[in-house]
Amino acid sequence: MRATRYQGNKTFSVIEKEKENPLRGEVRIKVAYSGVCGTDMHIYHGMMDKRVNIPVTIGHEMSGIIDALGEGVSGFSEGEKVVVRPLDDSGVKPSDKGFNHICEDLKFIGIDSPGSMQQYWNVPAFTLHKLKAETDLKLAALIEPLSVAVHDVRLSELQAGETAVVLGGGPIGLLVAMVAKETGAKVIVSEVNPKRIEKAKELGLNAVNPTQIDLVEYVKEQTDNRRADVVFEVAGVQPALDVMTEVAGIRGRILMVAIHGQKREVDLFKFFWKELKLIGARVYEKEDYEVAIDLITKNELPFEKMITDVQPLTNIQQVFENIDNNPDGMKVLMDCQN
């Protein structure tokens, strides 16, 4: 079987190795597709070299078919389509208060342990979610990032008739916007990249460039001066933090989706003045995966337009270099059987 290896220093290799039999409690998956995510790009840039065990196979956005069952695994059968919710919460403790997805000793599969960018992948059975036989495996590779968006919108308590502003029109931002729109809310995407603005409009979203218009005034015009009920901060840059408290209306809710690796300035006075709420959102829970699976299975939203390229596993070095040099794209999938 073929497997990829991140070697450090922006370098990947492709190796041949023997398939491994699944251990007790594990399944072996024949991986169909594995998506490249922002975290994978952070690994490529060396930003996580202290965390990942180089050389390592990365990847966690995936779809596949069960190839073999380890001892003690029940409820699954060979040949079933599945996705992996890549959270190893086996170290959960009472002090985690039952929130296993953010438990103190959480391990992220594909970062802290080998990932999906290989032909066959052994994972704990408790991470699996079944798919229906008719599910498109290409679209199913979007279930992991879509689950992030479902989790974010659920935590925001966004309601039909409310207005949501999504700061950042990358893959997660546009998925958040799509899920938010499904609630019946009015959605405005703020993005500076013209290609991503074009993609947002292609997805049926209202997208504007905050460097070309006054975003706060635009939102006020669109809401009879009420401003946003919910703001999703997905951009991860200081200008987004500066505007999020301005664009939020009275008792607005701000969802912190982006990962900020350093301390940032935030206008706390606005939280006092407008009684704003700031809500942290990290990964997803089981129920979010099931909602995402249902959305992908129904396929009533233009998810296929989120996939901008599909490349064979053997092209992994070129794929990461191309993404690095051309950040306009949305979701690139690795075809793990080619």
Protein backbone atom coordinates (compact mmCIF):
# COMPACT_ATOMS: atom_id res chain seq x y z
CA MET A 1 0.00 0.00 0.00
CA ARG A 2 1.03 3.62 -0.53
CA ALA A 3 1.35 6.07 2.32
CA THR A 4 2.54 9.65 2.47
CA ARG A 5 5.03 10.98 4.97
CA TYR A 6 5.59 14.54 6.11
CA GLN A 7 9.37 14.70 6.54
CA GLY A 8 9.65 18.26 7.85
CA ASN A 9 10.99 21.30 6.00
CA LYS A 10 7.96 21.49 3.66
CA THR A 11 8.72 18.04 2.30
CA PHE A 12 6.52 14.99 1.71
CA SER A 13 7.49 11.54 0.48
CA VAL A 14 5.39 8.63 -0.77
CA ILE A 15 6.37 5.18 0.44
CA GLU A 16 5.27 1.58 -0.04
CA LYS A 17 4.48 -0.41 3.09
CA GLU A 18 2.58 -3.48 4.18
CA LYS A 19 -1.04 -3.16 5.24
CA GLU A 20 -1.36 -3.50 9.00
CA ASN A 21 -3.98 -5.72 10.58
CA PRO A 22 -6.31 -3.75 12.85
CA LEU A 23 -5.71 -4.19 16.56
CA ARG A 24 -8.43 -5.03 19.05
CA GLY A 25 -11.08 -2.30 18.92
CA GLU A 26 -9.80 -0.95 15.59
CA VAL A 27 -10.99 -1.02 12.01
CA ARG A 28 -8.99 -0.77 8.81
CA ILE A 29 -10.42 1.69 6.30
CA LYS A 30 -9.76 1.75 2.58
CA VAL A 31 -9.48 5.53 2.30
CA ALA A 32 -11.29 7.03 -0.67
CA TYR A 33 -10.56 10.75 -0.34
CA SER A 34 -8.68 12.91 2.13
CA GLY A 35 -9.08 16.68 2.16
CA VAL A 36 -6.28 19.17 2.81
CA CYS A 37 -7.18 21.48 5.68
CA GLY A 38 -5.69 24.61 7.18
CA THR A 39 -4.12 22.59 9.99
CA ASP A 40 -2.37 20.39 7.42
CA MET A 41 -0.93 23.56 5.87
CA HIS A 42 0.30 24.67 9.32
CA ILE A 43 2.09 21.32 9.60
CA TYR A 44 3.58 21.80 6.13
CA HIS A 45 4.92 25.20 7.18
CA GLY A 46 6.64 23.64 10.19
CA MET A 47 4.42 25.43 12.70
CA MET A 48 3.57 22.15 14.46
CA ASP A 49 6.91 20.34 14.28
CA LYS A 50 7.06 20.17 18.08
CA ARG A 51 3.69 18.39 18.17
CA VAL A 52 3.73 15.95 15.26
CA ASN A 53 5.98 12.90 15.34
CA ILE A 54 8.10 13.41 12.20
CA PRO A 55 8.09 11.51 9.87
CA VAL A 56 4.31 11.22 10.01
CA THR A 57 1.27 10.57 7.83
CA ILE A 58 -1.16 13.46 8.30
CA GLY A 59 -4.78 14.09 7.27
CA HIS A 60 -8.14 13.89 9.03
CA GLU A 61 -10.82 15.08 6.57
CA MET A 62 -11.72 11.83 4.83
CA SER A 63 -14.15 9.24 3.55
CA GLY A 64 -13.70 5.55 2.94
CA ILE A 65 -14.92 1.97 3.15
CA ILE A 66 -14.35 -0.50 5.98
CA ASP A 67 -11.78 -3.05 4.83
CA ALA A 68 -11.22 -5.15 7.97
CA LEU A 69 -12.46 -5.38 11.56
CA GLY A 70 -10.29 -5.89 14.60
CA GLU A 71 -11.17 -8.22 17.45
CA GLY A 72 -14.03 -7.01 19.63
CA VAL A 73 -15.50 -4.59 17.07
CA SER A 74 -19.27 -4.85 16.65
CA GLY A 75 -21.90 -2.79 14.90
CA PHE A 76 -19.84 -2.39 11.73
CA SER A 77 -19.34 -4.56 8.66
CA GLU A 78 -16.74 -4.79 5.92
CA GLY A 79 -17.80 -2.81 2.86
CA GLU A 80 -19.69 -0.11 4.76
CA LYS A 81 -19.02 3.52 3.84
CA VAL A 82 -17.77 5.56 6.81
CA VAL A 83 -16.13 8.75 7.93
CA VAL A 84 -13.89 9.27 10.94
CA ARG A 85 -14.52 11.82 13.68
CA PRO A 86 -10.81 12.18 14.44
CA LEU A 87 -10.98 12.79 18.18
CA ASP A 88 -9.38 10.30 20.57
CA ASP A 89 -11.07 11.10 23.87
CA SER A 90 -9.99 7.86 25.58
CA GLY A 91 -8.21 9.95 28.22
CA VAL A 92 -11.37 11.70 29.38
CA LYS A 93 -11.63 12.43 33.12
CA PRO A 94 -14.48 13.51 35.44
CA SER A 95 -12.99 17.01 35.52
CA ASP A 96 -13.76 17.32 31.78
CA LYS A 97 -17.45 17.60 32.77
CA GLY A 98 -18.61 15.29 29.99
CA PHE A 99 -17.38 17.55 27.18
CA ASN A 100 -15.25 14.86 25.57
CA HIS A 101 -14.56 16.87 22.40
CA ILE A 102 -12.55 19.42 24.41
CA CYS A 103 -11.26 17.19 27.18
CA GLU A 104 -7.90 18.09 28.67
CA ASP A 105 -6.12 15.03 27.29
CA LEU A 106 -7.79 15.04 23.87
CA LYS A 107 -5.66 13.63 21.04
CA PHE A 108 -6.41 14.69 17.48
CA ILE A 109 -6.01 11.78 15.08
CA GLY A 110 -4.07 12.82 12.01
CA ILE A 111 -2.00 15.26 14.05
CA ASP A 112 -1.09 13.50 17.28
CA SER A 113 -1.23 10.07 15.60
CA PRO A 114 -1.08 8.83 11.97
CA GLY A 115 -3.67 10.27 9.60
CA SER A 116 -5.68 9.53 6.48
CA MET A 117 -3.36 10.45 3.59
CA GLN A 118 -2.64 6.81 2.81
CA GLN A 119 -4.44 3.99 1.03
CA TYR A 120 -5.41 2.11 4.20
CA TRP A 121 -5.82 3.60 7.67
CA ASN A 122 -6.33 1.86 11.02
CA VAL A 123 -8.41 3.81 13.54
CA PRO A 124 -10.35 3.13 16.75
CA ALA A 125 -13.86 1.95 15.97
CA PHE A 126 -15.36 4.52 18.34
CA THR A 127 -14.36 7.28 15.91
CA LEU A 128 -16.50 5.94 13.05
CA HIS A 129 -19.76 7.31 11.69
CA LYS A 130 -21.68 5.24 9.14
CA LEU A 131 -22.76 6.65 5.80
CA LYS A 132 -25.65 5.52 3.64
CA ALA A 133 -24.78 3.38 0.64
CA GLU A 134 -25.78 6.15 -1.77
CA THR A 135 -23.50 8.77 -0.18
CA ASP A 136 -21.01 10.33 -2.60
CA LEU A 137 -17.57 9.66 -1.10
CA LYS A 138 -16.10 12.83 -2.62
CA LEU A 139 -18.71 14.96 -0.89
CA ALA A 140 -18.36 12.84 2.26
CA ALA A 141 -14.75 14.07 2.58
CA LEU A 142 -16.33 17.45 3.44
CA ILE A 143 -18.17 16.07 6.48
CA GLU A 144 -15.39 16.85 8.96
CA PRO A 145 -15.09 20.58 8.09
CA LEU A 146 -18.86 20.80 7.65
CA SER A 147 -19.23 19.45 11.20
CA VAL A 148 -17.12 22.38 12.41
CA ALA A 149 -19.60 24.75 10.75
CA VAL A 150 -22.61 22.89 12.17
CA HIS A 151 -21.09 23.08 15.67
CA ASP A 152 -20.41 26.81 15.32
CA VAL A 153 -23.92 27.63 14.15
CA ARG A 154 -25.49 25.43 16.83
CA LEU A 155 -23.53 27.15 19.60
CA SER A 156 -24.50 30.56 18.22
CA GLU A 157 -28.23 29.76 18.63
CA LEU A 158 -28.84 31.58 15.34
CA GLN A 159 -32.53 31.82 14.55
CA ALA A 160 -34.56 32.34 11.39
CA GLY A 161 -34.98 36.03 10.68
CA GLU A 162 -31.76 37.04 12.43
CA THR A 163 -28.70 38.45 10.67
CA ALA A 164 -25.31 36.75 10.75
CA VAL A 165 -22.04 38.26 9.57
CA VAL A 166 -19.25 35.82 8.72
CA LEU A 167 -15.81 37.42 8.89
CA GLY A 168 -13.64 35.37 6.53
CA GLY A 169 -14.61 33.57 3.34
CA GLY A 170 -12.22 30.63 3.37
CA PRO A 171 -13.47 27.01 3.34
CA ILE A 172 -14.70 27.02 6.96
CA GLY A 173 -16.17 30.52 6.66
CA LEU A 174 -18.19 29.60 3.58
CA LEU A 175 -19.39 26.36 5.16
CA VAL A 176 -20.46 28.35 8.24
CA ALA A 177 -22.30 30.77 5.96
CA MET A 178 -24.07 27.94 4.12
CA VAL A 179 -25.20 26.29 7.35
CA ALA A 180 -26.23 29.65 8.82
CA LYS A 181 -28.32 30.42 5.74
CA GLU A 182 -30.09 27.07 6.14
CA THR A 183 -31.47 28.28 9.49
CA GLY A 184 -33.42 30.99 7.67
CA ALA A 185 -31.08 33.76 8.79
CA LYS A 186 -29.83 36.59 6.62
CA VAL A 187 -26.11 36.02 6.02
CA ILE A 188 -23.40 38.49 4.98
CA VAL A 189 -19.85 37.26 4.25
CA SER A 190 -16.94 39.67 4.65
CA GLU A 191 -13.85 38.67 2.64
CA VAL A 192 -10.96 40.56 1.02
CA ASN A 193 -9.91 37.95 -1.57
CA PRO A 194 -11.76 38.63 -4.89
CA LYS A 195 -11.66 34.96 -5.92
CA ARG A 196 -13.22 33.90 -2.64
CA ILE A 197 -15.87 36.61 -2.93
CA GLU A 198 -16.67 35.21 -6.37
CA LYS A 199 -16.89 31.69 -4.91
CA ALA A 200 -19.22 32.89 -2.14
CA LYS A 201 -21.54 34.45 -4.69
CA GLU A 202 -21.41 31.25 -6.73
CA LEU A 203 -22.67 29.47 -3.61
CA GLY A 204 -25.61 31.90 -3.43
CA LEU A 205 -24.18 33.99 -0.58
CA ASN A 206 -24.08 37.76 -0.13
CA ALA A 207 -20.37 38.63 0.03
CA VAL A 208 -18.67 42.02 0.31
CA ASN A 209 -15.11 43.32 0.49
CA PRO A 210 -14.50 45.35 3.70
CA THR A 211 -11.57 47.14 2.07
CA GLN A 212 -13.90 48.56 -0.56
CA ILE A 213 -16.95 49.38 1.55
CA ASP A 214 -17.64 50.34 5.16
CA LEU A 215 -18.75 46.96 6.51
CA VAL A 216 -20.45 48.37 9.60
CA GLU A 217 -22.46 50.88 7.56
CA TYR A 218 -23.37 48.18 5.04
CA VAL A 219 -24.67 45.87 7.77
CA LYS A 220 -26.61 48.74 9.34
CA GLU A 221 -28.24 49.46 5.96
CA GLN A 222 -29.16 45.79 5.56
CA THR A 223 -30.69 45.52 9.05
CA ASP A 224 -32.53 48.80 9.65
CA ASN A 225 -29.65 49.84 11.90
CA ARG A 226 -29.93 46.74 14.12
CA ARG A 227 -26.54 45.38 13.03
CA ALA A 228 -25.72 41.67 13.36
CA ASP A 229 -27.34 39.30 15.80
CA VAL A 230 -24.46 36.85 15.38
CA VAL A 231 -20.89 37.41 14.19
CA PHE A 232 -18.68 34.47 13.25
CA GLU A 233 -14.98 35.42 13.46
CA VAL A 234 -13.34 32.99 11.05
CA ALA A 235 -10.57 35.17 9.59
CA GLY A 236 -8.10 35.00 12.48
CA VAL A 237 -6.62 38.47 11.87
CA GLN A 238 -6.61 41.67 13.92
CA PRO A 239 -8.86 43.68 11.54
CA ALA A 240 -11.59 41.05 12.01
CA LEU A 241 -11.31 41.39 15.79
CA ASP A 242 -11.50 45.17 15.44
CA VAL A 243 -14.71 45.07 13.42
CA MET A 244 -16.49 42.19 15.15
CA THR A 245 -17.55 44.28 18.15
CA GLU A 246 -18.56 47.16 15.88
CA VAL A 247 -20.70 45.10 13.52
CA ALA A 248 -22.46 43.22 16.35
CA GLY A 249 -25.75 44.72 17.49
CA ILE A 250 -27.18 45.02 20.98
CA ARG A 251 -26.85 41.69 22.82
CA GLY A 252 -25.15 40.23 19.79
CA ARG A 253 -23.32 36.89 20.01
CA ILE A 254 -19.78 36.59 18.68
CA LEU A 255 -18.48 33.11 17.84
CA MET A 256 -14.70 32.76 17.97
CA VAL A 257 -14.11 30.15 15.26
CA ALA A 258 -10.60 31.17 14.18
CA ILE A 259 -7.54 29.96 16.06
CA HIS A 260 -5.41 32.82 17.36
CA GLY A 261 -1.92 31.66 18.25
CA GLN A 262 -1.08 34.91 20.03
CA LYS A 263 -2.77 37.40 22.32
CA ARG A 264 -4.88 39.97 20.51
CA GLU A 265 -6.45 43.31 21.29
CA VAL A 266 -10.24 43.27 21.70
CA ASP A 267 -12.51 46.22 22.46
CA LEU A 268 -13.96 45.00 25.77
CA PHE A 269 -15.82 48.25 26.26
CA LYS A 270 -18.22 47.19 23.49
CA PHE A 271 -19.05 44.03 25.45
CA PHE A 272 -20.10 46.20 28.39
CA TRP A 273 -21.87 48.82 26.27
CA LYS A 274 -23.96 46.45 24.14
CA GLU A 275 -24.08 43.43 26.47
CA LEU A 276 -22.32 41.27 23.89
CA LYS A 277 -21.46 37.61 24.33
CA LEU A 278 -18.22 35.97 23.21
CA ILE A 279 -18.49 32.22 22.64
CA GLY A 280 -15.56 29.92 21.98
CA ALA A 281 -16.12 27.10 19.49
CA ARG A 282 -13.75 24.17 19.05
CA VAL A 283 -14.13 21.21 16.68
CA TYR A 284 -17.46 19.32 17.02
CA GLU A 285 -19.53 16.79 18.93
CA LYS A 286 -21.17 13.55 17.78
CA GLU A 287 -24.47 15.27 17.07
CA ASP A 288 -22.76 17.80 14.79
CA TYR A 289 -21.29 14.96 12.72
CA GLU A 290 -24.71 13.37 12.32
CA VAL A 291 -26.22 16.67 11.14
CA ALA A 292 -23.34 17.16 8.68
CA ILE A 293 -23.77 13.60 7.39
CA ASP A 294 -27.47 14.27 6.84
CA LEU A 295 -26.72 17.49 4.93
CA ILE A 296 -24.18 15.74 2.70
CA THR A 297 -26.50 12.77 2.11
CA LYS A 298 -29.40 15.00 1.10
CA ASN A 299 -27.02 17.05 -1.09
CA GLU A 300 -29.44 19.95 -1.41
CA LEU A 301 -26.70 22.56 -0.94
CA PRO A 302 -23.98 23.21 -3.57
CA PHE A 303 -21.27 21.31 -1.71
CA GLU A 304 -19.65 20.08 -4.93
CA LYS A 305 -18.68 23.69 -5.70
CA MET A 306 -16.51 23.68 -2.58
CA ILE A 307 -14.23 21.05 -4.14
CA THR A 308 -11.80 22.89 -6.41
CA ASP A 309 -9.39 20.07 -7.23
CA VAL A 310 -8.84 16.32 -6.85
CA GLN A 311 -5.30 14.94 -7.11
CA PRO A 312 -3.76 11.47 -6.73
CA LEU A 313 -2.00 10.66 -3.49
CA THR A 314 1.30 10.48 -5.34
CA ASN A 315 1.06 14.23 -6.12
CA ILE A 316 1.03 15.27 -2.46
CA GLN A 317 4.16 17.46 -2.65
CA GLN A 318 2.80 19.35 -5.65
CA VAL A 319 -0.61 19.73 -4.01
CA PHE A 320 0.80 21.41 -0.90
CA GLU A 321 3.09 23.63 -2.96
CA ASN A 322 0.18 24.68 -5.19
CA ILE A 323 -2.04 25.52 -2.21
CA ASP A 324 0.79 27.49 -0.66
CA ASN A 325 1.28 29.50 -3.85
CA ASN A 326 -2.41 29.88 -4.69
CA PRO A 327 -4.59 30.41 -1.62
CA ASP A 328 -7.65 31.28 -3.72
CA GLY A 329 -8.97 27.73 -3.87
CA MET A 330 -11.42 26.09 -1.51
CA LYS A 331 -11.06 22.37 -0.86
CA VAL A 332 -8.47 20.12 -2.50
CA LEU A 333 -9.01 16.38 -2.13
CA MET A 334 -6.40 13.65 -2.34
CA ASP A 335 -7.60 10.54 -4.20
CA CYS A 336 -6.03 8.01 -1.85
CA GLN A 337 -6.39 5.02 -4.17
CA ASN A 338 -4.43 6.64 -7.03
